[in-house]
Amino acid sequence: PFSPQQLKRWKKAFAQRYAKAYPQPIACFQLALWAQKRGMNQEAQKLLHTVLRYDPNHKGARRLLGYTQQKGKWRKWKEIYFQKKAQLASPPRRKELLQLANWCYKVGLYPQAEKIVRILLRRNNYDQNAIRIFKRLTSHYIPRKLYRFPLRGRYKILVDKTKHHQRKCFAIWAYDIVQINEFGKEYQGYGVLNEDYFIWNKPVYAVADGVVAFVEDKFPDNRPGKVGKFHQANKILIDHQNGEYSFYCHLKQNSAVVKVGDPVKAGQIIARVGNSGASGRPHLHFTMMDKDYFSLPVWFENFLWKGKKGQETLHIKIFAAQPQEGWVIETK
């Protein structure tokens, strides 16, 4: 996501560049690419149409506007899409939908590809082919806002070595988070008790203002090393009233301090970290979701990234970023 200050600077820079570029087709096309990269899509579209006014066969502008050339004529990809869609069986079969979704993605009809993939994933949350397309489609997703990290202190985002998050559409962009000490350890002693883990019973905070949409906290916590049943995870879902929902899972039994319908503020304590459900040790499973409860990328604001460059330990203040697996994050 771009900050309001960045957008303001870019719009000012765009106005200056536009005055120099117009009406030269090459300069306008280059400026359209510049604007598109910065999320200024309306400005980019206008410039591309300006390019076509002076050069109707400009291939770059045509393709960015959704055209393809067939037998010397320019056709909209959308026209071809509707032809292909009309040829589907009724009801459409999975194989047909996958082929059409892949074709849409290949030619840049991303909204149409997403619509088809959502149909498949609503039918089956574990459809691996549909999940792969959906992840590609959402890899450049820009959240509606920046969010706060849901924990306070030093935490590590675990690497999903088994890729278990990639096997279900509601966890594609999820994080499994543990707390570590200065030596990188998750627990003291032998780690045989939940209380041995630094993250156990730590407060979980709402990542933004919203309304509580779901709460479950009746299930008992597992002992470390023993994985419980998938459906017996304690969890909270918060609706942020912008099409995005935050999901907090494996919470401690009876730790929720909110109920369905409660308004919450960013930074408000909502529960505590536990070890319930399909969890082998205390940790927080977190992801953002959309209205279909499909996992989305999230950007957090104002945290410290801790890493190493050779023998040197680095602490870098991050204004906003989408954390990656393996990152160590510090927040206050």
C-alpha atoms as a PDB file:
ATOM      1  CA  PRO A   1       0.000   0.000   0.000  1.00  0.00           C
ATOM      2  CA  PHE A   2       1.169   3.518  -0.719  1.00  0.00           C
ATOM      3  CA  SER A   3       1.067   6.187   1.952  1.00  0.00           C
ATOM      4  CA  PRO A   4      -1.003   9.339   1.298  1.00  0.00           C
ATOM      5  CA  GLN A   5       2.257  11.302   1.247  1.00  0.00           C
ATOM      6  CA  GLN A   6       3.687   9.053  -1.488  1.00  0.00           C
ATOM      7  CA  LEU A   7       0.538   9.315  -3.593  1.00  0.00           C
ATOM      8  CA  LYS A   8       0.528  13.090  -3.234  1.00  0.00           C
ATOM      9  CA  ARG A   9       4.162  13.304  -4.374  1.00  0.00           C
ATOM     10  CA  TRP A  10       3.531  10.982  -7.309  1.00  0.00           C
ATOM     11  CA  LYS A  11       0.449  12.878  -8.468  1.00  0.00           C
ATOM     12  CA  LYS A  12       2.467  16.081  -8.408  1.00  0.00           C
ATOM     13  CA  ALA A  13       5.297  14.395 -10.327  1.00  0.00           C
ATOM     14  CA  PHE A  14       2.752  12.959 -12.773  1.00  0.00           C
ATOM     15  CA  ALA A  15       1.344  16.417 -13.564  1.00  0.00           C
ATOM     16  CA  GLN A  16       4.855  17.716 -14.285  1.00  0.00           C
ATOM     17  CA  ARG A  17       5.736  14.741 -16.483  1.00  0.00           C
ATOM     18  CA  TYR A  18       2.416  14.886 -18.312  1.00  0.00           C
ATOM     19  CA  ALA A  19       3.039  18.493 -19.345  1.00  0.00           C
ATOM     20  CA  LYS A  20       6.280  17.367 -21.007  1.00  0.00           C
ATOM     21  CA  ALA A  21       4.970  14.096 -22.483  1.00  0.00           C
ATOM     22  CA  TYR A  22       1.695  15.177 -24.105  1.00  0.00           C
ATOM     23  CA  PRO A  23       0.982  14.554 -26.976  1.00  0.00           C
ATOM     24  CA  GLN A  24       4.034  12.445 -27.914  1.00  0.00           C
ATOM     25  CA  PRO A  25       2.914   8.758 -28.138  1.00  0.00           C
ATOM     26  CA  ILE A  26       6.199   7.228 -26.942  1.00  0.00           C
ATOM     27  CA  ALA A  27       6.508   9.607 -23.993  1.00  0.00           C
ATOM     28  CA  CYS A  28       2.833   9.113 -23.088  1.00  0.00           C
ATOM     29  CA  PHE A  29       3.221   5.332 -23.162  1.00  0.00           C
ATOM     30  CA  GLN A  30       6.277   5.456 -20.895  1.00  0.00           C
ATOM     31  CA  LEU A  31       4.429   7.748 -18.496  1.00  0.00           C
ATOM     32  CA  ALA A  32       1.441   5.355 -18.523  1.00  0.00           C
ATOM     33  CA  LEU A  33       3.742   2.513 -17.415  1.00  0.00           C
ATOM     34  CA  TRP A  34       5.190   4.757 -14.696  1.00  0.00           C
ATOM     35  CA  ALA A  35       1.700   5.664 -13.430  1.00  0.00           C
ATOM     36  CA  GLN A  36       0.444   2.070 -13.535  1.00  0.00           C
ATOM     37  CA  LYS A  37       3.298   0.847 -11.326  1.00  0.00           C
ATOM     38  CA  ARG A  38       2.285   3.417  -8.716  1.00  0.00           C
ATOM     39  CA  GLY A  39      -1.387   2.484  -8.639  1.00  0.00           C
ATOM     40  CA  MET A  40      -2.518   5.486 -10.700  1.00  0.00           C
ATOM     41  CA  ASN A  41      -4.636   3.335 -13.007  1.00  0.00           C
ATOM     42  CA  GLN A  42      -7.109   5.978 -14.192  1.00  0.00           C
ATOM     43  CA  GLU A  43      -4.274   8.267 -15.261  1.00  0.00           C
ATOM     44  CA  ALA A  44      -2.569   5.354 -17.030  1.00  0.00           C
ATOM     45  CA  GLN A  45      -5.757   4.417 -18.921  1.00  0.00           C
ATOM     46  CA  LYS A  46      -6.247   7.980 -20.187  1.00  0.00           C
ATOM     47  CA  LEU A  47      -2.661   8.104 -21.409  1.00  0.00           C
ATOM     48  CA  LEU A  48      -2.981   4.768 -23.217  1.00  0.00           C
ATOM     49  CA  HIS A  49      -6.067   6.041 -25.052  1.00  0.00           C
ATOM     50  CA  THR A  50      -4.096   9.176 -25.943  1.00  0.00           C
ATOM     51  CA  VAL A  51      -1.387   6.952 -27.436  1.00  0.00           C
ATOM     52  CA  LEU A  52      -3.972   5.136 -29.580  1.00  0.00           C
ATOM     53  CA  ARG A  53      -5.408   8.427 -30.805  1.00  0.00           C
ATOM     54  CA  TYR A  54      -2.056   9.189 -32.458  1.00  0.00           C
ATOM     55  CA  ASP A  55      -0.943   5.606 -33.142  1.00  0.00           C
ATOM     56  CA  PRO A  56      -3.951   3.222 -33.416  1.00  0.00           C
ATOM     57  CA  ASN A  57      -1.691   0.177 -33.875  1.00  0.00           C
ATOM     58  CA  HIS A  58       0.608   0.774 -30.903  1.00  0.00           C
ATOM     59  CA  LYS A  59       0.980  -2.824 -29.674  1.00  0.00           C
ATOM     60  CA  GLY A  60       1.996  -1.978 -26.115  1.00  0.00           C
ATOM     61  CA  ALA A  61      -0.957   0.332 -25.524  1.00  0.00           C
ATOM     62  CA  ARG A  62      -3.381  -2.081 -27.183  1.00  0.00           C
ATOM     63  CA  ARG A  63      -2.265  -4.995 -25.021  1.00  0.00           C
ATOM     64  CA  LEU A  64      -2.405  -3.000 -21.800  1.00  0.00           C
ATOM     65  CA  LEU A  65      -5.960  -2.001 -22.714  1.00  0.00           C
ATOM     66  CA  GLY A  66      -6.925  -5.648 -23.225  1.00  0.00           C
ATOM     67  CA  TYR A  67      -6.669  -6.120 -26.996  1.00  0.00           C
ATOM     68  CA  THR A  68      -5.197  -8.928 -29.079  1.00  0.00           C
ATOM     69  CA  GLN A  69      -4.478  -9.003 -32.801  1.00  0.00           C
ATOM     70  CA  GLN A  70      -6.228 -11.703 -34.834  1.00  0.00           C
ATOM     71  CA  LYS A  71      -5.983 -11.846 -38.632  1.00  0.00           C
ATOM     72  CA  GLY A  72      -4.808  -8.247 -38.722  1.00  0.00           C
ATOM     73  CA  LYS A  73      -7.681  -6.951 -36.589  1.00  0.00           C
ATOM     74  CA  TRP A  74      -7.658  -5.839 -32.968  1.00  0.00           C
ATOM     75  CA  ARG A  75     -10.141  -7.643 -30.729  1.00  0.00           C
ATOM     76  CA  LYS A  76     -10.889  -7.241 -27.050  1.00  0.00           C
ATOM     77  CA  TRP A  77      -9.897 -10.220 -24.934  1.00  0.00           C
ATOM     78  CA  LYS A  78     -13.239  -9.798 -23.172  1.00  0.00           C
ATOM     79  CA  GLU A  79     -15.105 -10.567 -26.418  1.00  0.00           C
ATOM     80  CA  ILE A  80     -13.184 -13.822 -26.778  1.00  0.00           C
ATOM     81  CA  TYR A  81     -13.777 -14.582 -23.095  1.00  0.00           C
ATOM     82  CA  PHE A  82     -17.554 -14.288 -23.486  1.00  0.00           C
ATOM     83  CA  GLN A  83     -17.403 -16.603 -26.512  1.00  0.00           C
ATOM     84  CA  LYS A  84     -15.471 -19.205 -24.519  1.00  0.00           C
ATOM     85  CA  LYS A  85     -17.795 -18.815 -21.543  1.00  0.00           C
ATOM     86  CA  ALA A  86     -20.863 -19.374 -23.744  1.00  0.00           C
ATOM     87  CA  GLN A  87     -19.402 -22.704 -24.868  1.00  0.00           C
ATOM     88  CA  LEU A  88     -19.177 -24.112 -21.320  1.00  0.00           C
ATOM     89  CA  ALA A  89     -21.399 -26.984 -20.287  1.00  0.00           C
ATOM     90  CA  SER A  90     -24.305 -26.296 -17.945  1.00  0.00           C
ATOM     91  CA  PRO A  91     -23.433 -26.588 -15.154  1.00  0.00           C
ATOM     92  CA  PRO A  92     -19.758 -26.012 -16.076  1.00  0.00           C
ATOM     93  CA  ARG A  93     -17.367 -28.850 -15.283  1.00  0.00           C
ATOM     94  CA  ARG A  94     -14.286 -28.371 -13.110  1.00  0.00           C
ATOM     95  CA  LYS A  95     -11.855 -29.082 -15.965  1.00  0.00           C
ATOM     96  CA  GLU A  96     -13.526 -26.511 -18.215  1.00  0.00           C
ATOM     97  CA  LEU A  97     -13.462 -23.861 -15.494  1.00  0.00           C
ATOM     98  CA  LEU A  98      -9.787 -24.498 -14.748  1.00  0.00           C
ATOM     99  CA  GLN A  99      -8.881 -24.207 -18.427  1.00  0.00           C
ATOM    100  CA  LEU A 100     -10.820 -20.960 -18.756  1.00  0.00           C
ATOM    101  CA  ALA A 101      -9.306 -19.557 -15.539  1.00  0.00           C
ATOM    102  CA  ASN A 102      -5.781 -20.366 -16.745  1.00  0.00           C
ATOM    103  CA  TRP A 103      -6.499 -18.779 -20.125  1.00  0.00           C
ATOM    104  CA  CYS A 104      -7.891 -15.633 -18.468  1.00  0.00           C
ATOM    105  CA  TYR A 105      -4.809 -15.349 -16.275  1.00  0.00           C
ATOM    106  CA  LYS A 106      -2.488 -15.823 -19.250  1.00  0.00           C
ATOM    107  CA  VAL A 107      -4.093 -13.026 -21.292  1.00  0.00           C
ATOM    108  CA  GLY A 108      -4.427 -10.633 -18.355  1.00  0.00           C
ATOM    109  CA  LEU A 109      -8.155 -10.926 -17.637  1.00  0.00           C
ATOM    110  CA  TYR A 110      -7.474 -11.127 -13.914  1.00  0.00           C
ATOM    111  CA  PRO A 111     -10.961 -10.189 -12.618  1.00  0.00           C
ATOM    112  CA  GLN A 112     -12.524 -12.881 -14.814  1.00  0.00           C
ATOM    113  CA  ALA A 113      -9.902 -15.438 -13.734  1.00  0.00           C
ATOM    114  CA  GLU A 114     -10.572 -14.632 -10.085  1.00  0.00           C
ATOM    115  CA  LYS A 115     -14.336 -14.943 -10.535  1.00  0.00           C
ATOM    116  CA  ILE A 116     -13.934 -18.434 -12.007  1.00  0.00           C
ATOM    117  CA  VAL A 117     -11.428 -19.543  -9.369  1.00  0.00           C
ATOM    118  CA  ARG A 118     -13.764 -18.401  -6.603  1.00  0.00           C
ATOM    119  CA  ILE A 119     -16.487 -20.646  -8.025  1.00  0.00           C
ATOM    120  CA  LEU A 120     -14.083 -23.593  -7.861  1.00  0.00           C
ATOM    121  CA  LEU A 121     -12.877 -22.790  -4.351  1.00  0.00           C
ATOM    122  CA  ARG A 122     -16.390 -22.372  -3.018  1.00  0.00           C
ATOM    123  CA  ARG A 123     -17.064 -25.873  -4.310  1.00  0.00           C
ATOM    124  CA  ASN A 124     -13.877 -27.233  -2.760  1.00  0.00           C
ATOM    125  CA  ASN A 125     -11.628 -25.229  -0.393  1.00  0.00           C
ATOM    126  CA  TYR A 126      -8.810 -27.706  -1.075  1.00  0.00           C
ATOM    127  CA  ASP A 127      -8.771 -27.635  -4.906  1.00  0.00           C
ATOM    128  CA  GLN A 128      -5.003 -27.478  -5.484  1.00  0.00           C
ATOM    129  CA  ASN A 129      -5.116 -26.240  -9.087  1.00  0.00           C
ATOM    130  CA  ALA A 130      -7.546 -23.463  -8.194  1.00  0.00           C
ATOM    131  CA  ILE A 131      -5.454 -22.538  -5.145  1.00  0.00           C
ATOM    132  CA  ARG A 132      -2.332 -22.134  -7.288  1.00  0.00           C
ATOM    133  CA  ILE A 133      -4.140 -19.730  -9.639  1.00  0.00           C
ATOM    134  CA  PHE A 134      -5.686 -17.831  -6.729  1.00  0.00           C
ATOM    135  CA  LYS A 135      -2.282 -17.357  -5.103  1.00  0.00           C
ATOM    136  CA  ARG A 136      -0.854 -15.924  -8.329  1.00  0.00           C
ATOM    137  CA  LEU A 137      -3.854 -13.602  -8.609  1.00  0.00           C
ATOM    138  CA  THR A 138      -3.522 -12.348  -5.031  1.00  0.00           C
ATOM    139  CA  SER A 139       0.287 -12.108  -4.974  1.00  0.00           C
ATOM    140  CA  HIS A 140       0.067  -8.405  -5.916  1.00  0.00           C
ATOM    141  CA  TYR A 141      -3.021  -7.688  -3.829  1.00  0.00           C
ATOM    142  CA  ILE A 142      -2.895  -4.304  -2.123  1.00  0.00           C
ATOM    143  CA  PRO A 143      -4.743  -4.333   1.231  1.00  0.00           C
ATOM    144  CA  ARG A 144      -7.350  -1.651   1.877  1.00  0.00           C
ATOM    145  CA  LYS A 145      -5.245  -0.309   4.747  1.00  0.00           C
ATOM    146  CA  LEU A 146      -2.121  -0.907   6.830  1.00  0.00           C
ATOM    147  CA  TYR A 147      -2.533  -3.077   9.913  1.00  0.00           C
ATOM    148  CA  ARG A 148      -0.777  -3.403  13.254  1.00  0.00           C
ATOM    149  CA  PHE A 149       1.092  -6.573  14.152  1.00  0.00           C
ATOM    150  CA  PRO A 150      -1.144  -8.708  16.447  1.00  0.00           C
ATOM    151  CA  LEU A 151       1.520  -9.261  19.137  1.00  0.00           C
ATOM    152  CA  ARG A 152       3.980  -7.152  21.155  1.00  0.00           C
ATOM    153  CA  GLY A 153       7.625  -8.113  21.656  1.00  0.00           C
ATOM    154  CA  ARG A 154      10.094 -10.149  19.571  1.00  0.00           C
ATOM    155  CA  TYR A 155       8.479 -12.730  17.307  1.00  0.00           C
ATOM    156  CA  LYS A 156       9.449 -15.022  14.465  1.00  0.00           C
ATOM    157  CA  ILE A 157       7.286 -15.996  11.514  1.00  0.00           C
ATOM    158  CA  LEU A 158       7.860 -19.700  11.001  1.00  0.00           C
ATOM    159  CA  VAL A 159       8.819 -21.104   7.610  1.00  0.00           C
ATOM    160  CA  ASP A 160       6.039 -23.360   6.335  1.00  0.00           C
ATOM    161  CA  LYS A 161       8.345 -26.280   5.500  1.00  0.00           C
ATOM    162  CA  THR A 162       5.519 -28.740   4.892  1.00  0.00           C
ATOM    163  CA  LYS A 163       3.560 -26.200   2.773  1.00  0.00           C
ATOM    164  CA  HIS A 164       0.417 -27.097   4.716  1.00  0.00           C
ATOM    165  CA  HIS A 165      -0.884 -23.538   4.340  1.00  0.00           C
ATOM    166  CA  GLN A 166      -0.797 -23.927   0.558  1.00  0.00           C
ATOM    167  CA  ARG A 167      -3.250 -26.819   0.627  1.00  0.00           C
ATOM    168  CA  LYS A 168      -6.281 -24.779   1.715  1.00  0.00           C
ATOM    169  CA  CYS A 169      -7.618 -21.512   0.333  1.00  0.00           C
ATOM    170  CA  PHE A 170      -8.290 -20.050   3.775  1.00  0.00           C
ATOM    171  CA  ALA A 171      -4.594 -20.182   4.757  1.00  0.00           C
ATOM    172  CA  ILE A 172      -2.583 -19.419   1.595  1.00  0.00           C
ATOM    173  CA  TRP A 173      -1.130 -16.197   3.062  1.00  0.00           C
ATOM    174  CA  ALA A 174      -1.310 -17.211   6.727  1.00  0.00           C
ATOM    175  CA  TYR A 175       1.484 -16.812   9.270  1.00  0.00           C
ATOM    176  CA  ASP A 176       2.406 -19.125  12.137  1.00  0.00           C
ATOM    177  CA  ILE A 177       4.050 -16.902  14.736  1.00  0.00           C
ATOM    178  CA  VAL A 178       6.183 -17.844  17.758  1.00  0.00           C
ATOM    179  CA  GLN A 179       8.010 -15.746  20.341  1.00  0.00           C
ATOM    180  CA  ILE A 180      11.781 -16.123  20.637  1.00  0.00           C
ATOM    181  CA  ASN A 181      14.423 -14.904  23.067  1.00  0.00           C
ATOM    182  CA  GLU A 182      17.749 -13.236  22.212  1.00  0.00           C
ATOM    183  CA  PHE A 183      19.207 -16.637  21.336  1.00  0.00           C
ATOM    184  CA  GLY A 184      16.392 -17.547  18.959  1.00  0.00           C
ATOM    185  CA  LYS A 185      14.823 -20.155  21.259  1.00  0.00           C
ATOM    186  CA  GLU A 186      11.053 -20.560  21.567  1.00  0.00           C
ATOM    187  CA  TYR A 187      10.964 -22.046  25.052  1.00  0.00           C
ATOM    188  CA  GLN A 188      12.800 -22.491  28.317  1.00  0.00           C
ATOM    189  CA  GLY A 189      13.633 -25.854  29.838  1.00  0.00           C
ATOM    190  CA  TYR A 190      12.566 -28.862  27.783  1.00  0.00           C
ATOM    191  CA  GLY A 191       9.492 -27.410  26.102  1.00  0.00           C
ATOM    192  CA  VAL A 192       7.233 -30.188  27.376  1.00  0.00           C
ATOM    193  CA  LEU A 193       4.692 -27.842  28.955  1.00  0.00           C
ATOM    194  CA  ASN A 194       2.762 -25.005  27.358  1.00  0.00           C
ATOM    195  CA  GLU A 195       4.082 -22.758  30.118  1.00  0.00           C
ATOM    196  CA  ASP A 196       7.649 -23.403  28.877  1.00  0.00           C
ATOM    197  CA  TYR A 197       6.941 -21.461  25.674  1.00  0.00           C
ATOM    198  CA  PHE A 198       7.557 -17.716  25.722  1.00  0.00           C
ATOM    199  CA  ILE A 199       4.488 -17.026  23.592  1.00  0.00           C
ATOM    200  CA  TRP A 200       2.087 -18.970  25.816  1.00  0.00           C
ATOM    201  CA  ASN A 201      -0.661 -16.801  27.303  1.00  0.00           C
ATOM    202  CA  LYS A 202       0.656 -13.625  25.627  1.00  0.00           C
ATOM    203  CA  PRO A 203      -2.034 -11.043  24.759  1.00  0.00           C
ATOM    204  CA  VAL A 204      -3.357 -11.003  21.205  1.00  0.00           C
ATOM    205  CA  TYR A 205      -4.294  -7.555  19.873  1.00  0.00           C
ATOM    206  CA  ALA A 206      -6.783  -6.469  17.221  1.00  0.00           C
ATOM    207  CA  VAL A 207      -4.846  -5.381  14.140  1.00  0.00           C
ATOM    208  CA  ALA A 208      -7.333  -2.582  13.336  1.00  0.00           C
ATOM    209  CA  ASP A 209     -10.727  -1.162  14.256  1.00  0.00           C
ATOM    210  CA  GLY A 210     -13.630  -3.452  13.466  1.00  0.00           C
ATOM    211  CA  VAL A 211     -16.528  -5.561  14.684  1.00  0.00           C
ATOM    212  CA  VAL A 212     -16.179  -9.078  16.083  1.00  0.00           C
ATOM    213  CA  ALA A 213     -17.787 -11.512  13.618  1.00  0.00           C
ATOM    214  CA  PHE A 214     -17.009 -14.864  15.247  1.00  0.00           C
ATOM    215  CA  VAL A 215     -15.656 -16.174  18.565  1.00  0.00           C
ATOM    216  CA  GLU A 216     -14.864 -19.732  19.674  1.00  0.00           C
ATOM    217  CA  ASP A 217     -12.868 -20.362  22.848  1.00  0.00           C
ATOM    218  CA  LYS A 218     -14.356 -23.429  24.561  1.00  0.00           C
ATOM    219  CA  PHE A 219     -11.843 -26.058  23.400  1.00  0.00           C
ATOM    220  CA  PRO A 220      -9.006 -27.268  25.672  1.00  0.00           C
ATOM    221  CA  ASP A 221      -5.363 -26.598  24.837  1.00  0.00           C
ATOM    222  CA  ASN A 222      -3.109 -29.451  23.711  1.00  0.00           C
ATOM    223  CA  ARG A 223       0.089 -30.508  25.394  1.00  0.00           C
ATOM    224  CA  PRO A 224       3.184 -29.691  23.279  1.00  0.00           C
ATOM    225  CA  GLY A 225       3.825 -32.478  20.793  1.00  0.00           C
ATOM    226  CA  LYS A 226       0.205 -33.613  20.701  1.00  0.00           C
ATOM    227  CA  VAL A 227      -1.832 -32.217  17.806  1.00  0.00           C
ATOM    228  CA  GLY A 228      -5.558 -31.801  18.394  1.00  0.00           C
ATOM    229  CA  LYS A 229      -8.459 -31.917  15.957  1.00  0.00           C
ATOM    230  CA  PHE A 230      -8.708 -29.303  13.221  1.00  0.00           C
ATOM    231  CA  HIS A 231     -12.216 -28.138  14.158  1.00  0.00           C
ATOM    232  CA  GLN A 232     -11.321 -27.752  17.855  1.00  0.00           C
ATOM    233  CA  ALA A 233      -9.251 -24.591  17.464  1.00  0.00           C
ATOM    234  CA  ASN A 234     -10.226 -21.539  19.478  1.00  0.00           C
ATOM    235  CA  LYS A 235     -10.474 -18.572  17.141  1.00  0.00           C
ATOM    236  CA  ILE A 236     -11.674 -15.023  16.591  1.00  0.00           C
ATOM    237  CA  LEU A 237     -12.696 -13.308  13.345  1.00  0.00           C
ATOM    238  CA  ILE A 238     -12.899  -9.505  13.115  1.00  0.00           C
ATOM    239  CA  ASP A 239     -14.707  -7.680  10.315  1.00  0.00           C
ATOM    240  CA  HIS A 240     -12.845  -4.449   9.501  1.00  0.00           C
ATOM    241  CA  GLN A 241     -15.804  -3.060   7.528  1.00  0.00           C
ATOM    242  CA  ASN A 242     -13.729  -2.694   4.356  1.00  0.00           C
ATOM    243  CA  GLY A 243     -14.094  -6.152   2.815  1.00  0.00           C
ATOM    244  CA  GLU A 244     -11.189  -7.513   4.887  1.00  0.00           C
ATOM    245  CA  TYR A 245     -11.313  -9.718   7.982  1.00  0.00           C
ATOM    246  CA  SER A 246      -8.535 -10.633  10.421  1.00  0.00           C
ATOM    247  CA  PHE A 247      -8.424 -14.201  11.707  1.00  0.00           C
ATOM    248  CA  TYR A 248      -6.669 -15.289  14.920  1.00  0.00           C
ATOM    249  CA  CYS A 249      -6.398 -19.016  15.643  1.00  0.00           C
ATOM    250  CA  HIS A 250      -5.151 -21.603  18.216  1.00  0.00           C
ATOM    251  CA  LEU A 251      -6.111 -19.237  21.040  1.00  0.00           C
ATOM    252  CA  LYS A 252      -6.075 -20.226  24.698  1.00  0.00           C
ATOM    253  CA  GLN A 253      -9.223 -21.792  26.120  1.00  0.00           C
ATOM    254  CA  ASN A 254     -11.606 -19.282  27.746  1.00  0.00           C
ATOM    255  CA  SER A 255      -9.249 -16.368  26.993  1.00  0.00           C
ATOM    256  CA  ALA A 256     -11.489 -14.366  24.632  1.00  0.00           C
ATOM    257  CA  VAL A 257     -12.483 -11.022  26.142  1.00  0.00           C
ATOM    258  CA  VAL A 258     -14.788 -10.059  23.250  1.00  0.00           C
ATOM    259  CA  LYS A 259     -18.029 -11.495  21.900  1.00  0.00           C
ATOM    260  CA  VAL A 260     -19.783 -11.444  18.538  1.00  0.00           C
ATOM    261  CA  GLY A 261     -21.016  -7.953  17.679  1.00  0.00           C
ATOM    262  CA  ASP A 262     -18.546  -6.129  19.922  1.00  0.00           C
ATOM    263  CA  PRO A 263     -16.781  -3.137  18.332  1.00  0.00           C
ATOM    264  CA  VAL A 264     -13.005  -3.283  18.794  1.00  0.00           C
ATOM    265  CA  LYS A 265     -10.243  -0.717  18.418  1.00  0.00           C
ATOM    266  CA  ALA A 266      -6.804  -1.236  16.898  1.00  0.00           C
ATOM    267  CA  GLY A 267      -4.440  -2.462  19.609  1.00  0.00           C
ATOM    268  CA  GLN A 268      -7.221  -3.718  21.884  1.00  0.00           C
ATOM    269  CA  ILE A 269      -6.590  -7.065  23.624  1.00  0.00           C
ATOM    270  CA  ILE A 270      -9.020  -9.684  22.296  1.00  0.00           C
ATOM    271  CA  ALA A 271      -7.637 -12.991  23.661  1.00  0.00           C
ATOM    272  CA  ARG A 272      -4.426 -14.839  24.574  1.00  0.00           C
ATOM    273  CA  VAL A 273      -2.116 -17.167  22.673  1.00  0.00           C
ATOM    274  CA  GLY A 274      -2.822 -20.846  23.251  1.00  0.00           C
ATOM    275  CA  ASN A 275      -2.294 -24.286  21.743  1.00  0.00           C
ATOM    276  CA  SER A 276      -5.759 -25.457  20.691  1.00  0.00           C
ATOM    277  CA  GLY A 277      -6.911 -27.365  17.627  1.00  0.00           C
ATOM    278  CA  ALA A 278      -4.497 -28.671  14.989  1.00  0.00           C
ATOM    279  CA  SER A 279      -1.479 -27.255  16.808  1.00  0.00           C
ATOM    280  CA  GLY A 280       1.555 -29.043  18.217  1.00  0.00           C
ATOM    281  CA  ARG A 281       2.956 -26.178  20.260  1.00  0.00           C
ATOM    282  CA  PRO A 282       1.840 -22.721  21.424  1.00  0.00           C
ATOM    283  CA  HIS A 283       1.763 -20.238  18.553  1.00  0.00           C
ATOM    284  CA  LEU A 284      -0.542 -17.760  16.851  1.00  0.00           C
ATOM    285  CA  HIS A 285      -1.951 -18.571  13.430  1.00  0.00           C
ATOM    286  CA  PHE A 286      -2.916 -15.296  11.729  1.00  0.00           C
ATOM    287  CA  THR A 287      -4.223 -14.339   8.323  1.00  0.00           C
ATOM    288  CA  MET A 288      -6.321 -11.697   6.604  1.00  0.00           C
ATOM    289  CA  MET A 289      -9.406 -12.901   4.734  1.00  0.00           C
ATOM    290  CA  ASP A 290     -11.982 -11.625   2.265  1.00  0.00           C
ATOM    291  CA  LYS A 291     -15.774 -12.026   2.254  1.00  0.00           C
ATOM    292  CA  ASP A 292     -15.430 -15.658   1.126  1.00  0.00           C
ATOM    293  CA  TYR A 293     -12.931 -16.299   3.946  1.00  0.00           C
ATOM    294  CA  PHE A 294     -10.134 -16.846   1.430  1.00  0.00           C
ATOM    295  CA  SER A 295      -6.673 -15.864   2.675  1.00  0.00           C
ATOM    296  CA  LEU A 296      -5.186 -12.530   1.533  1.00  0.00           C
ATOM    297  CA  PRO A 297      -1.763 -10.884   1.886  1.00  0.00           C
ATOM    298  CA  VAL A 298      -1.439  -8.376   4.721  1.00  0.00           C
ATOM    299  CA  TRP A 299       0.832  -5.372   5.211  1.00  0.00           C
ATOM    300  CA  PHE A 300       1.871  -4.390   8.723  1.00  0.00           C
ATOM    301  CA  GLU A 301       3.073  -0.941   9.726  1.00  0.00           C
ATOM    302  CA  ASN A 302       5.706   0.418  12.100  1.00  0.00           C
ATOM    303  CA  PHE A 303       7.801  -2.521  13.251  1.00  0.00           C
ATOM    304  CA  LEU A 304      11.466  -3.445  13.556  1.00  0.00           C
ATOM    305  CA  TRP A 305      12.945  -6.099  11.295  1.00  0.00           C
ATOM    306  CA  LYS A 306      15.806  -7.998  12.885  1.00  0.00           C
ATOM    307  CA  GLY A 307      18.330  -9.846  10.748  1.00  0.00           C
ATOM    308  CA  LYS A 308      21.999 -10.468  10.086  1.00  0.00           C
ATOM    309  CA  LYS A 309      24.461  -9.292   7.485  1.00  0.00           C
ATOM    310  CA  GLY A 310      27.525 -11.457   7.958  1.00  0.00           C
ATOM    311  CA  GLN A 311      28.357 -11.225  11.649  1.00  0.00           C
ATOM    312  CA  GLU A 312      26.505  -7.943  12.075  1.00  0.00           C
ATOM    313  CA  THR A 313      23.027  -7.889  13.633  1.00  0.00           C
ATOM    314  CA  LEU A 314      20.704  -5.405  11.963  1.00  0.00           C
ATOM    315  CA  HIS A 315      17.621  -3.666  13.319  1.00  0.00           C
ATOM    316  CA  ILE A 316      15.750  -1.868  10.546  1.00  0.00           C
ATOM    317  CA  LYS A 317      12.641   0.215  11.166  1.00  0.00           C
ATOM    318  CA  ILE A 318       9.939  -0.672   8.656  1.00  0.00           C
ATOM    319  CA  PHE A 319       7.188   1.824   7.819  1.00  0.00           C
ATOM    320  CA  ALA A 320       5.087  -0.773   5.980  1.00  0.00           C
ATOM    321  CA  ALA A 321       5.758  -4.220   4.540  1.00  0.00           C
ATOM    322  CA  GLN A 322       4.307  -7.622   3.835  1.00  0.00           C
ATOM    323  CA  PRO A 323       6.342  -9.880   6.171  1.00  0.00           C
ATOM    324  CA  GLN A 324       7.964 -12.994   4.768  1.00  0.00           C
ATOM    325  CA  GLU A 325       8.401 -16.409   6.345  1.00  0.00           C
ATOM    326  CA  GLY A 326      11.509 -16.533   8.524  1.00  0.00           C
ATOM    327  CA  TRP A 327      11.382 -12.852   9.476  1.00  0.00           C
ATOM    328  CA  VAL A 328      12.035 -11.774  13.045  1.00  0.00           C
ATOM    329  CA  ILE A 329       9.799  -8.849  13.987  1.00  0.00           C
ATOM    330  CA  GLU A 330       9.902  -6.606  17.038  1.00  0.00           C
ATOM    331  CA  THR A 331       6.983  -4.418  18.063  1.00  0.00           C
ATOM    332  CA  LYS A 332       6.025  -2.333  21.074  1.00  0.00           C
END
